[in-house]
PDB file of all heavy atoms in Angstrom:
ATOM      1  N   ALA A   1     -12.161 158.915-170.435  1.00  0.00           N
ATOM      2  CA  ALA A   1     -11.285 158.579-171.539  1.00  0.00           C
ATOM      3  C   ALA A   1     -10.297 157.476-171.147  1.00  0.00           C
ATOM      4  O   ALA A   1      -9.104 157.529-171.550  1.00  0.00           O
ATOM      5  CB  ALA A   1     -10.522 159.831-172.038  1.00  0.00           C
ATOM      6  N   GLY A   2     -10.765 156.508-170.365  1.00  0.00           N
ATOM      7  CA  GLY A   2      -9.946 155.350-170.042  1.00  0.00           C
ATOM      8  C   GLY A   2      -8.881 155.582-168.995  1.00  0.00           C
ATOM      9  O   GLY A   2      -8.153 154.656-168.645  1.00  0.00           O
ATOM     10  N   LEU A   3      -8.797 156.781-168.459  1.00  0.00           N
ATOM     11  CA  LEU A   3      -7.741 157.055-167.480  1.00  0.00           C
ATOM     12  C   LEU A   3      -8.201 156.710-166.026  1.00  0.00           C
ATOM     13  O   LEU A   3      -7.439 156.768-165.110  1.00  0.00           O
ATOM     14  CB  LEU A   3      -7.368 158.573-167.555  1.00  0.00           C
ATOM     15  CG  LEU A   3      -5.999 158.927-166.960  1.00  0.00           C
ATOM     16  CD1 LEU A   3      -4.851 158.281-167.719  1.00  0.00           C
ATOM     17  CD2 LEU A   3      -5.815 160.463-167.006  1.00  0.00           C
ATOM     18  N   ASN A   4      -9.477 156.399-165.907  1.00  0.00           N
ATOM     19  CA  ASN A   4     -10.038 156.027-164.583  1.00  0.00           C
ATOM     20  C   ASN A   4      -9.495 154.721-164.104  1.00  0.00           C
ATOM     21  O   ASN A   4      -9.106 153.852-164.881  1.00  0.00           O
ATOM     22  CB  ASN A   4     -11.586 155.913-164.616  1.00  0.00           C
ATOM     23  CG  ASN A   4     -12.242 156.725-165.667  1.00  0.00           C
ATOM     24  OD1 ASN A   4     -11.949 156.623-166.846  1.00  0.00           O
ATOM     25  ND2 ASN A   4     -13.189 157.526-165.301  1.00  0.00           N
ATOM     26  N   ASP A   5      -9.547 154.443-162.785  1.00  0.00           N
ATOM     27  CA  ASP A   5      -9.254 153.173-162.197  1.00  0.00           C
ATOM     28  C   ASP A   5     -10.582 152.463-162.053  1.00  0.00           C
ATOM     29  O   ASP A   5     -11.420 152.801-161.204  1.00  0.00           O
ATOM     30  CB  ASP A   5      -8.598 153.405-160.813  1.00  0.00           C
ATOM     31  CG  ASP A   5      -8.258 152.138-160.078  1.00  0.00           C
ATOM     32  OD1 ASP A   5      -8.949 151.117-160.310  1.00  0.00           O
ATOM     33  OD2 ASP A   5      -7.345 152.148-159.232  1.00  0.00           O
ATOM     34  N   ARG A   6     -10.789 151.384-162.869  1.00  0.00           N
ATOM     35  CA  ARG A   6     -12.076 150.719-162.881  1.00  0.00           C
ATOM     36  C   ARG A   6     -12.516 150.231-161.474  1.00  0.00           C
ATOM     37  O   ARG A   6     -13.682 150.304-161.147  1.00  0.00           O
ATOM     38  CB  ARG A   6     -12.082 149.545-163.872  1.00  0.00           C
ATOM     39  CG  ARG A   6     -13.440 148.841-163.971  1.00  0.00           C
ATOM     40  CD  ARG A   6     -13.493 147.740-165.012  1.00  0.00           C
ATOM     41  NE  ARG A   6     -13.673 148.218-166.344  1.00  0.00           N
ATOM     42  CZ  ARG A   6     -14.906 148.437-166.849  1.00  0.00           C
ATOM     43  NH1 ARG A   6     -15.992 148.222-166.142  1.00  0.00           N
ATOM     44  NH2 ARG A   6     -15.008 148.881-168.079  1.00  0.00           N
ATOM     45  N   ASP A   7     -11.596 149.704-160.671  1.00  0.00           N
ATOM     46  CA  ASP A   7     -11.961 149.195-159.334  1.00  0.00           C
ATOM     47  C   ASP A   7     -12.528 150.312-158.478  1.00  0.00           C
ATOM     48  O   ASP A   7     -13.498 150.099-157.750  1.00  0.00           O
ATOM     49  CB  ASP A   7     -10.689 148.615-158.646  1.00  0.00           C
ATOM     50  CG  ASP A   7     -10.271 147.326-159.266  1.00  0.00           C
ATOM     51  OD1 ASP A   7     -11.080 146.708-160.003  1.00  0.00           O
ATOM     52  OD2 ASP A   7      -9.122 146.875-159.013  1.00  0.00           O
ATOM     53  N   VAL A   8     -11.930 151.526-158.590  1.00  0.00           N
ATOM     54  CA  VAL A   8     -12.433 152.649-157.809  1.00  0.00           C
ATOM     55  C   VAL A   8     -13.806 153.088-158.310  1.00  0.00           C
ATOM     56  O   VAL A   8     -14.709 153.361-157.572  1.00  0.00           O
ATOM     57  CB  VAL A   8     -11.429 153.829-157.869  1.00  0.00           C
ATOM     58  CG1 VAL A   8     -12.012 155.070-157.243  1.00  0.00           C
ATOM     59  CG2 VAL A   8     -10.134 153.451-157.116  1.00  0.00           C
ATOM     60  N   VAL A   9     -13.939 153.122-159.637  1.00  0.00           N
ATOM     61  CA  VAL A   9     -15.238 153.503-160.237  1.00  0.00           C
ATOM     62  C   VAL A   9     -16.325 152.596-159.733  1.00  0.00           C
ATOM     63  O   VAL A   9     -17.413 152.992-159.346  1.00  0.00           O
ATOM     64  CB  VAL A   9     -15.153 153.535-161.790  1.00  0.00           C
ATOM     65  CG1 VAL A   9     -16.510 153.838-162.386  1.00  0.00           C
ATOM     66  CG2 VAL A   9     -14.134 154.579-162.257  1.00  0.00           C
ATOM     67  N   GLU A  10     -16.038 151.268-159.785  1.00  0.00           N
ATOM     68  CA  GLU A  10     -17.039 150.291-159.325  1.00  0.00           C
ATOM     69  C   GLU A  10     -17.393 150.512-157.892  1.00  0.00           C
ATOM     70  O   GLU A  10     -18.569 150.459-157.471  1.00  0.00           O
ATOM     71  CB  GLU A  10     -16.532 148.896-159.605  1.00  0.00           C
ATOM     72  CG  GLU A  10     -16.540 148.520-161.057  1.00  0.00           C
ATOM     73  CD  GLU A  10     -15.908 147.158-161.393  1.00  0.00           C
ATOM     74  OE1 GLU A  10     -15.412 146.516-160.409  1.00  0.00           O
ATOM     75  OE2 GLU A  10     -15.889 146.786-162.562  1.00  0.00           O
ATOM     76  N   MET A  11     -16.393 150.745-157.057  1.00  0.00           N
ATOM     77  CA  MET A  11     -16.625 150.944-155.588  1.00  0.00           C
ATOM     78  C   MET A  11     -17.567 152.145-155.393  1.00  0.00           C
ATOM     79  O   MET A  11     -18.534 152.071-154.628  1.00  0.00           O
ATOM     80  CB  MET A  11     -15.299 151.190-154.871  1.00  0.00           C
ATOM     81  CG  MET A  11     -15.375 151.646-153.458  1.00  0.00           C
ATOM     82  SD  MET A  11     -13.769 152.059-152.729  1.00  0.00           S
ATOM     83  CE  MET A  11     -13.971 153.785-152.403  1.00  0.00           C
ATOM     84  N   VAL A  12     -17.274 153.277-156.060  1.00  0.00           N
ATOM     85  CA  VAL A  12     -18.066 154.484-155.854  1.00  0.00           C
ATOM     86  C   VAL A  12     -19.481 154.358-156.394  1.00  0.00           C
ATOM     87  O   VAL A  12     -20.470 154.709-155.712  1.00  0.00           O
ATOM     88  CB  VAL A  12     -17.329 155.690-156.548  1.00  0.00           C
ATOM     89  CG1 VAL A  12     -18.225 156.945-156.456  1.00  0.00           C
ATOM     90  CG2 VAL A  12     -16.001 155.992-155.844  1.00  0.00           C
ATOM     91  N   VAL A  13     -19.611 153.759-157.585  1.00  0.00           N
ATOM     92  CA  VAL A  13     -20.932 153.560-158.192  1.00  0.00           C
ATOM     93  C   VAL A  13     -21.809 152.665-157.303  1.00  0.00           C
ATOM     94  O   VAL A  13     -23.008 152.938-157.104  1.00  0.00           O
ATOM     95  CB  VAL A  13     -20.756 153.015-159.613  1.00  0.00           C
ATOM     96  CG1 VAL A  13     -22.066 152.454-160.133  1.00  0.00           C
ATOM     97  CG2 VAL A  13     -20.224 154.077-160.550  1.00  0.00           C
ATOM     98  N   GLU A  14     -21.184 151.586-156.782  1.00  0.00           N
ATOM     99  CA  GLU A  14     -21.997 150.651-155.982  1.00  0.00           C
ATOM    100  C   GLU A  14     -22.336 151.229-154.644  1.00  0.00           C
ATOM    101  O   GLU A  14     -23.348 150.834-154.007  1.00  0.00           O
ATOM    102  CB  GLU A  14     -21.203 149.324-155.858  1.00  0.00           C
ATOM    103  CG  GLU A  14     -21.216 148.544-157.180  1.00  0.00           C
ATOM    104  CD  GLU A  14     -20.206 147.364-157.177  1.00  0.00           C
ATOM    105  OE1 GLU A  14     -19.721 146.967-156.100  1.00  0.00           O
ATOM    106  OE2 GLU A  14     -19.887 146.884-158.297  1.00  0.00           O
ATOM    107  N   ASP A  15     -21.544 152.180-154.129  1.00  0.00           N
ATOM    108  CA  ASP A  15     -21.830 152.834-152.848  1.00  0.00           C
ATOM    109  C   ASP A  15     -22.907 153.931-152.995  1.00  0.00           C
ATOM    110  O   ASP A  15     -23.419 154.444-151.979  1.00  0.00           O
ATOM    111  CB  ASP A  15     -20.584 153.445-152.223  1.00  0.00           C
ATOM    112  CG  ASP A  15     -19.761 152.405-151.500  1.00  0.00           C
ATOM    113  OD1 ASP A  15     -20.219 151.242-151.461  1.00  0.00           O
ATOM    114  OD2 ASP A  15     -18.708 152.724-150.981  1.00  0.00           O
ATOM    115  N   ALA A  16     -23.172 154.399-154.235  1.00  0.00           N
ATOM    116  CA  ALA A  16     -24.000 155.567-154.438  1.00  0.00           C
ATOM    117  C   ALA A  16     -25.405 155.443-153.860  1.00  0.00           C
ATOM    118  O   ALA A  16     -25.855 156.397-153.143  1.00  0.00           O
ATOM    119  CB  ALA A  16     -24.047 155.946-155.931  1.00  0.00           C
ATOM    120  N   PRO A  17     -26.165 154.402-154.091  1.00  0.00           N
ATOM    121  CA  PRO A  17     -27.549 154.370-153.554  1.00  0.00           C
ATOM    122  C   PRO A  17     -27.567 154.497-152.042  1.00  0.00           C
ATOM    123  O   PRO A  17     -28.444 155.166-151.469  1.00  0.00           O
ATOM    124  CB  PRO A  17     -28.065 152.990-154.043  1.00  0.00           C
ATOM    125  CG  PRO A  17     -27.285 152.717-155.294  1.00  0.00           C
ATOM    126  CD  PRO A  17     -25.904 153.227-155.011  1.00  0.00           C
ATOM    127  N   ALA A  18     -26.584 153.856-151.347  1.00  0.00           N
ATOM    128  CA  ALA A  18     -26.539 153.935-149.877  1.00  0.00           C
ATOM    129  C   ALA A  18     -26.207 155.385-149.424  1.00  0.00           C
ATOM    130  O   ALA A  18     -26.711 155.864-148.436  1.00  0.00           O
ATOM    131  CB  ALA A  18     -25.528 152.932-149.343  1.00  0.00           C
ATOM    132  N   ALA A  19     -25.344 156.038-150.197  1.00  0.00           N
ATOM    133  CA  ALA A  19     -24.979 157.462-149.893  1.00  0.00           C
ATOM    134  C   ALA A  19     -26.187 158.334-149.965  1.00  0.00           C
ATOM    135  O   ALA A  19     -26.473 159.224-149.083  1.00  0.00           O
ATOM    136  CB  ALA A  19     -23.870 157.941-150.795  1.00  0.00           C
ATOM    137  N   ILE A  20     -27.050 158.109-151.000  1.00  0.00           N
ATOM    138  CA  ILE A  20     -28.267 158.903-151.170  1.00  0.00           C
ATOM    139  C   ILE A  20     -29.232 158.619-150.006  1.00  0.00           C
ATOM    140  O   ILE A  20     -29.826 159.552-149.415  1.00  0.00           O
ATOM    141  CB  ILE A  20     -29.004 158.512-152.490  1.00  0.00           C
ATOM    142  CG1 ILE A  20     -28.098 158.734-153.698  1.00  0.00           C
ATOM    143  CG2 ILE A  20     -30.320 159.318-152.625  1.00  0.00           C
ATOM    144  CD1 ILE A  20     -27.692 160.154-153.988  1.00  0.00           C
ATOM    145  N   ALA A  21     -29.341 157.353-149.608  1.00  0.00           N
ATOM    146  CA  ALA A  21     -30.219 156.986-148.479  1.00  0.00           C
ATOM    147  C   ALA A  21     -29.776 157.671-147.187  1.00  0.00           C
ATOM    148  O   ALA A  21     -30.620 158.136-146.422  1.00  0.00           O
ATOM    149  CB  ALA A  21     -30.203 155.445-148.272  1.00  0.00           C
ATOM    150  N   ARG A  22     -28.452 157.785-146.983  1.00  0.00           N
ATOM    151  CA  ARG A  22     -28.024 158.487-145.720  1.00  0.00           C
ATOM    152  C   ARG A  22     -28.330 159.969-145.787  1.00  0.00           C
ATOM    153  O   ARG A  22     -28.655 160.596-144.738  1.00  0.00           O
ATOM    154  CB  ARG A  22     -26.490 158.258-145.566  1.00  0.00           C
ATOM    155  CG  ARG A  22     -26.149 156.888-145.008  1.00  0.00           C
ATOM    156  CD  ARG A  22     -24.711 156.764-144.613  1.00  0.00           C
ATOM    157  NE  ARG A  22     -23.821 156.663-145.745  1.00  0.00           N
ATOM    158  CZ  ARG A  22     -23.546 155.547-146.413  1.00  0.00           C
ATOM    159  NH1 ARG A  22     -24.119 154.397-146.067  1.00  0.00           N
ATOM    160  NH2 ARG A  22     -22.748 155.542-147.435  1.00  0.00           N
ATOM    161  N   LEU A  23     -28.254 160.571-146.977  1.00  0.00           N
ATOM    162  CA  LEU A  23     -28.621 161.974-147.072  1.00  0.00           C
ATOM    163  C   LEU A  23     -30.103 162.209-146.866  1.00  0.00           C
ATOM    164  O   LEU A  23     -30.507 163.204-146.229  1.00  0.00           O
ATOM    165  CB  LEU A  23     -28.203 162.508-148.454  1.00  0.00           C
ATOM    166  CG  LEU A  23     -26.699 162.598-148.734  1.00  0.00           C
ATOM    167  CD1 LEU A  23     -26.390 162.879-150.181  1.00  0.00           C
ATOM    168  CD2 LEU A  23     -26.079 163.689-147.830  1.00  0.00           C
ATOM    169  N   VAL A  24     -30.952 161.273-147.315  1.00  0.00           N
ATOM    170  CA  VAL A  24     -32.365 161.364-147.045  1.00  0.00           C
ATOM    171  C   VAL A  24     -32.620 161.282-145.542  1.00  0.00           C
ATOM    172  O   VAL A  24     -33.390 162.074-144.982  1.00  0.00           O
ATOM    173  CB  VAL A  24     -33.124 160.176-147.765  1.00  0.00           C
ATOM    174  CG1 VAL A  24     -34.570 160.159-147.322  1.00  0.00           C
ATOM    175  CG2 VAL A  24     -33.069 160.379-149.271  1.00  0.00           C
ATOM    176  N   GLU A  25     -31.865 160.410-144.846  1.00  0.00           N
ATOM    177  CA  GLU A  25     -31.979 160.347-143.350  1.00  0.00           C
ATOM    178  C   GLU A  25     -31.575 161.618-142.690  1.00  0.00           C
ATOM    179  O   GLU A  25     -32.167 162.014-141.709  1.00  0.00           O
ATOM    180  CB  GLU A  25     -31.039 159.232-142.845  1.00  0.00           C
ATOM    181  CG  GLU A  25     -31.619 157.812-142.861  1.00  0.00           C
ATOM    182  CD  GLU A  25     -30.561 156.782-142.455  1.00  0.00           C
ATOM    183  OE1 GLU A  25     -29.776 157.043-141.556  1.00  0.00           O
ATOM    184  OE2 GLU A  25     -30.525 155.730-143.112  1.00  0.00           O
ATOM    185  N   LEU A  26     -30.557 162.313-143.272  1.00  0.00           N
ATOM    186  CA  LEU A  26     -30.130 163.611-142.717  1.00  0.00           C
ATOM    187  C   LEU A  26     -31.150 164.736-143.005  1.00  0.00           C
ATOM    188  O   LEU A  26     -30.970 165.851-142.541  1.00  0.00           O
ATOM    189  CB  LEU A  26     -28.762 164.018-143.324  1.00  0.00           C
ATOM    190  CG  LEU A  26     -27.510 163.374-142.720  1.00  0.00           C
ATOM    191  CD1 LEU A  26     -26.281 163.763-143.473  1.00  0.00           C
ATOM    192  CD2 LEU A  26     -27.356 163.731-141.214  1.00  0.00           C
ATOM    193  N   GLY A  27     -32.163 164.447-143.851  1.00  0.00           N
ATOM    194  CA  GLY A  27     -33.183 165.436-144.097  1.00  0.00           C
ATOM    195  C   GLY A  27     -32.999 166.237-145.357  1.00  0.00           C
ATOM    196  O   GLY A  27     -33.607 167.330-145.523  1.00  0.00           O
ATOM    197  N   VAL A  28     -32.174 165.742-146.280  1.00  0.00           N
ATOM    198  CA  VAL A  28     -32.044 166.456-147.605  1.00  0.00           C
ATOM    199  C   VAL A  28     -33.353 166.263-148.366  1.00  0.00           C
ATOM    200  O   VAL A  28     -33.756 165.147-148.647  1.00  0.00           O
ATOM    201  CB  VAL A  28     -30.862 165.944-148.407  1.00  0.00           C
ATOM    202  CG1 VAL A  28     -30.815 166.684-149.783  1.00  0.00           C
ATOM    203  CG2 VAL A  28     -29.553 166.206-147.646  1.00  0.00           C
ATOM    204  N   PRO A  29     -34.081 167.361-148.730  1.00  0.00           N
ATOM    205  CA  PRO A  29     -35.420 167.220-149.306  1.00  0.00           C
ATOM    206  C   PRO A  29     -35.367 167.045-150.816  1.00  0.00           C
ATOM    207  O   PRO A  29     -35.803 167.858-151.580  1.00  0.00           O
ATOM    208  CB  PRO A  29     -36.039 168.569-148.960  1.00  0.00           C
ATOM    209  CG  PRO A  29     -34.904 169.556-148.931  1.00  0.00           C
ATOM    210  CD  PRO A  29     -33.699 168.762-148.480  1.00  0.00           C
ATOM    211  N   PHE A  30     -34.847 165.865-151.239  1.00  0.00           N
ATOM    212  CA  PHE A  30     -34.736 165.598-152.668  1.00  0.00           C
ATOM    213  C   PHE A  30     -36.127 165.647-153.336  1.00  0.00           C
ATOM    214  O   PHE A  30     -37.125 165.247-152.725  1.00  0.00           O
ATOM    215  CB  PHE A  30     -34.123 164.193-152.909  1.00  0.00           C
ATOM    216  CG  PHE A  30     -32.669 164.121-152.573  1.00  0.00           C
ATOM    217  CD1 PHE A  30     -32.246 163.257-151.556  1.00  0.00           C
ATOM    218  CD2 PHE A  30     -31.734 164.864-153.237  1.00  0.00           C
ATOM    219  CE1 PHE A  30     -30.888 163.195-151.239  1.00  0.00           C
ATOM    220  CE2 PHE A  30     -30.387 164.791-152.892  1.00  0.00           C
ATOM    221  CZ  PHE A  30     -29.963 163.912-151.889  1.00  0.00           C
ATOM    222  N   ASN A  31     -36.144 166.075-154.600  1.00  0.00           N
ATOM    223  CA  ASN A  31     -37.401 166.121-155.361  1.00  0.00           C
ATOM    224  C   ASN A  31     -37.907 164.681-155.525  1.00  0.00           C
ATOM    225  O   ASN A  31     -37.146 163.787-155.797  1.00  0.00           O
ATOM    226  CB  ASN A  31     -37.216 166.761-156.754  1.00  0.00           C
ATOM    227  CG  ASN A  31     -36.958 168.260-156.622  1.00  0.00           C
ATOM    228  OD1 ASN A  31     -36.357 168.717-155.688  1.00  0.00           O
ATOM    229  ND2 ASN A  31     -37.384 168.968-157.664  1.00  0.00           N
ATOM    230  N   THR A  32     -39.229 164.538-155.398  1.00  0.00           N
ATOM    231  CA  THR A  32     -39.821 163.217-155.574  1.00  0.00           C
ATOM    232  C   THR A  32     -40.846 163.215-156.659  1.00  0.00           C
ATOM    233  O   THR A  32     -41.362 164.276-157.100  1.00  0.00           O
ATOM    234  CB  THR A  32     -40.512 162.694-154.242  1.00  0.00           C
ATOM    235  OG1 THR A  32     -41.423 163.711-153.815  1.00  0.00           O
ATOM    236  CG2 THR A  32     -39.469 162.447-153.182  1.00  0.00           C
ATOM    237  N   GLU A  33     -41.166 162.033-157.133  1.00  0.00           N
ATOM    238  CA  GLU A  33     -42.230 161.866-158.162  1.00  0.00           C
ATOM    239  C   GLU A  33     -43.046 160.674-157.674  1.00  0.00           C
ATOM    240  O   GLU A  33     -42.544 159.584-157.646  1.00  0.00           O
ATOM    241  CB  GLU A  33     -41.574 161.570-159.488  1.00  0.00           C
ATOM    242  CG  GLU A  33     -42.450 161.848-160.689  1.00  0.00           C
ATOM    243  CD  GLU A  33     -41.612 161.792-161.970  1.00  0.00           C
ATOM    244  OE1 GLU A  33     -40.661 160.984-162.060  1.00  0.00           O
ATOM    245  OE2 GLU A  33     -41.914 162.545-162.909  1.00  0.00           O
ATOM    246  N   GLY A  34     -44.262 160.967-157.186  1.00  0.00           N
ATOM    247  CA  GLY A  34     -45.022 159.885-156.497  1.00  0.00           C
ATOM    248  C   GLY A  34     -44.268 159.556-155.236  1.00  0.00           C
ATOM    249  O   GLY A  34     -43.900 160.425-154.459  1.00  0.00           O
ATOM    250  N   ASN A  35     -43.955 158.265-155.015  1.00  0.00           N
ATOM    251  CA  ASN A  35     -43.242 157.952-153.793  1.00  0.00           C
ATOM    252  C   ASN A  35     -41.771 157.512-154.067  1.00  0.00           C
ATOM    253  O   ASN A  35     -41.141 156.827-153.290  1.00  0.00           O
ATOM    254  CB  ASN A  35     -43.947 156.832-153.009  1.00  0.00           C
ATOM    255  CG  ASN A  35     -44.180 155.586-153.883  1.00  0.00           C
ATOM    256  OD1 ASN A  35     -43.735 155.587-155.050  1.00  0.00           O
ATOM    257  ND2 ASN A  35     -44.818 154.575-153.366  1.00  0.00           N
ATOM    258  N   THR A  36     -41.247 157.910-155.231  1.00  0.00           N
ATOM    259  CA  THR A  36     -39.836 157.673-155.577  1.00  0.00           C
ATOM    260  C   THR A  36     -39.128 159.008-155.802  1.00  0.00           C
ATOM    261  O   THR A  36     -39.747 159.979-156.028  1.00  0.00           O
ATOM    262  CB  THR A  36     -39.658 156.786-156.825  1.00  0.00           C
ATOM    263  OG1 THR A  36     -40.284 157.449-157.941  1.00  0.00           O
ATOM    264  CG2 THR A  36     -40.306 155.413-156.664  1.00  0.00           C
ATOM    265  N   LEU A  37     -37.809 158.928-155.758  1.00  0.00           N
ATOM    266  CA  LEU A  37     -37.000 160.169-155.972  1.00  0.00           C
ATOM    267  C   LEU A  37     -37.083 160.529-157.483  1.00  0.00           C
ATOM    268  O   LEU A  37     -36.989 159.630-158.342  1.00  0.00           O
ATOM    269  CB  LEU A  37     -35.514 159.887-155.611  1.00  0.00           C
ATOM    270  CG  LEU A  37     -35.285 159.651-154.104  1.00  0.00           C
ATOM    271  CD1 LEU A  37     -33.844 159.238-153.892  1.00  0.00           C
ATOM    272  CD2 LEU A  37     -35.553 160.931-153.337  1.00  0.00           C
ATOM    273  N   HIS A  38     -37.239 161.801-157.727  1.00  0.00           N
ATOM    274  CA  HIS A  38     -37.253 162.281-159.149  1.00  0.00           C
ATOM    275  C   HIS A  38     -35.816 162.232-159.684  1.00  0.00           C
ATOM    276  O   HIS A  38     -34.896 162.718-159.021  1.00  0.00           O
ATOM    277  CB  HIS A  38     -37.822 163.698-159.281  1.00  0.00           C
ATOM    278  CG  HIS A  38     -37.810 164.209-160.675  1.00  0.00           C
ATOM    279  ND1 HIS A  38     -36.823 165.023-161.130  1.00  0.00           N
ATOM    280  CD2 HIS A  38     -38.651 163.969-161.712  1.00  0.00           C
ATOM    281  CE1 HIS A  38     -37.063 165.299-162.447  1.00  0.00           C
ATOM    282  NE2 HIS A  38     -38.142 164.666-162.803  1.00  0.00           N
ATOM    283  N   LEU A  39     -35.631 161.684-160.864  1.00  0.00           N
ATOM    284  CA  LEU A  39     -34.299 161.588-161.469  1.00  0.00           C
ATOM    285  C   LEU A  39     -34.277 162.484-162.738  1.00  0.00           C
ATOM    286  O   LEU A  39     -35.177 162.413-163.564  1.00  0.00           O
ATOM    287  CB  LEU A  39     -34.040 160.154-161.861  1.00  0.00           C
ATOM    288  CG  LEU A  39     -34.059 159.130-160.668  1.00  0.00           C
ATOM    289  CD1 LEU A  39     -33.935 157.707-161.226  1.00  0.00           C
ATOM    290  CD2 LEU A  39     -32.978 159.437-159.673  1.00  0.00           C
ATOM    291  N   THR A  40     -33.182 163.225-162.874  1.00  0.00           N
ATOM    292  CA  THR A  40     -33.004 163.972-164.107  1.00  0.00           C
ATOM    293  C   THR A  40     -31.815 163.362-164.848  1.00  0.00           C
ATOM    294  O   THR A  40     -31.128 162.513-164.324  1.00  0.00           O
ATOM    295  CB  THR A  40     -32.837 165.479-163.829  1.00  0.00           C
ATOM    296  OG1 THR A  40     -32.792 166.206-165.072  1.00  0.00           O
ATOM    297  CG2 THR A  40     -31.608 165.785-163.040  1.00  0.00           C
ATOM    298  N   ARG A  41     -31.633 163.811-166.076  1.00  0.00           N
ATOM    299  CA  ARG A  41     -30.516 163.258-166.889  1.00  0.00           C
ATOM    300  C   ARG A  41     -29.563 164.400-167.261  1.00  0.00           C
ATOM    301  O   ARG A  41     -29.972 165.546-167.452  1.00  0.00           O
ATOM    302  CB  ARG A  41     -31.141 162.669-168.182  1.00  0.00           C
ATOM    303  CG  ARG A  41     -30.064 161.958-169.001  1.00  0.00           C
ATOM    304  CD  ARG A  41     -30.722 161.200-170.156  1.00  0.00           C
ATOM    305  NE  ARG A  41     -29.721 160.760-171.124  1.00  0.00           N
ATOM    306  CZ  ARG A  41     -29.963 160.253-172.297  1.00  0.00           C
ATOM    307  NH1 ARG A  41     -31.208 160.176-172.705  1.00  0.00           N
ATOM    308  NH2 ARG A  41     -29.003 159.869-173.093  1.00  0.00           N
ATOM    309  N   GLU A  42     -28.288 164.038-167.340  1.00  0.00           N
ATOM    310  CA  GLU A  42     -27.269 165.065-167.700  1.00  0.00           C
ATOM    311  C   GLU A  42     -26.350 164.474-168.743  1.00  0.00           C
ATOM    312  O   GLU A  42     -26.346 163.235-168.997  1.00  0.00           O
ATOM    313  CB  GLU A  42     -26.480 165.465-166.464  1.00  0.00           C
ATOM    314  CG  GLU A  42     -27.336 166.227-165.446  1.00  0.00           C
ATOM    315  CD  GLU A  42     -26.558 166.755-164.239  1.00  0.00           C
ATOM    316  OE1 GLU A  42     -25.486 166.203-163.948  1.00  0.00           O
ATOM    317  OE2 GLU A  42     -27.052 167.671-163.584  1.00  0.00           O
ATOM    318  N   GLY A  43     -25.617 165.343-169.376  1.00  0.00           N
ATOM    319  CA  GLY A  43     -24.651 164.938-170.460  1.00  0.00           C
ATOM    320  C   GLY A  43     -23.741 163.810-170.048  1.00  0.00           C
ATOM    321  O   GLY A  43     -23.188 163.819-168.971  1.00  0.00           O
ATOM    322  N   GLY A  44     -23.582 162.827-170.951  1.00  0.00           N
ATOM    323  CA  GLY A  44     -22.676 161.698-170.669  1.00  0.00           C
ATOM    324  C   GLY A  44     -23.351 160.524-169.996  1.00  0.00           C
ATOM    325  O   GLY A  44     -22.766 159.437-169.909  1.00  0.00           O
ATOM    326  N   HIS A  45     -24.544 160.723-169.405  1.00  0.00           N
ATOM    327  CA  HIS A  45     -25.251 159.642-168.726  1.00  0.00           C
ATOM    328  C   HIS A  45     -26.225 158.954-169.706  1.00  0.00           C
ATOM    329  O   HIS A  45     -26.937 159.595-170.417  1.00  0.00           O
ATOM    330  CB  HIS A  45     -26.092 160.190-167.531  1.00  0.00           C
ATOM    331  CG  HIS A  45     -25.253 160.553-166.375  1.00  0.00           C
ATOM    332  ND1 HIS A  45     -24.812 159.667-165.436  1.00  0.00           N
ATOM    333  CD2 HIS A  45     -24.761 161.764-165.953  1.00  0.00           C
ATOM    334  CE1 HIS A  45     -24.055 160.289-164.492  1.00  0.00           C
ATOM    335  NE2 HIS A  45     -24.016 161.594-164.820  1.00  0.00           N
ATOM    336  N   SER A  46     -26.206 157.630-169.687  1.00  0.00           N
ATOM    337  CA  SER A  46     -27.097 156.861-170.574  1.00  0.00           C
ATOM    338  C   SER A  46     -28.481 156.739-170.050  1.00  0.00           C
ATOM    339  O   SER A  46     -29.354 156.271-170.753  1.00  0.00           O
ATOM    340  CB  SER A  46     -26.451 155.452-170.829  1.00  0.00           C
ATOM    341  OG  SER A  46     -26.281 154.807-169.594  1.00  0.00           O
TER     342      SER A  46
END
């Protein structure tokens, strides 16, 4: 509802793929579909 700090939001969103990659390295067994990670959708996400 506009109360976020856009600079912080951008920093976190842009760091997300690398954070997932580090968790894969640590051995988190994320669900896959073929040879990519399976993605689900939740409320509020486009």
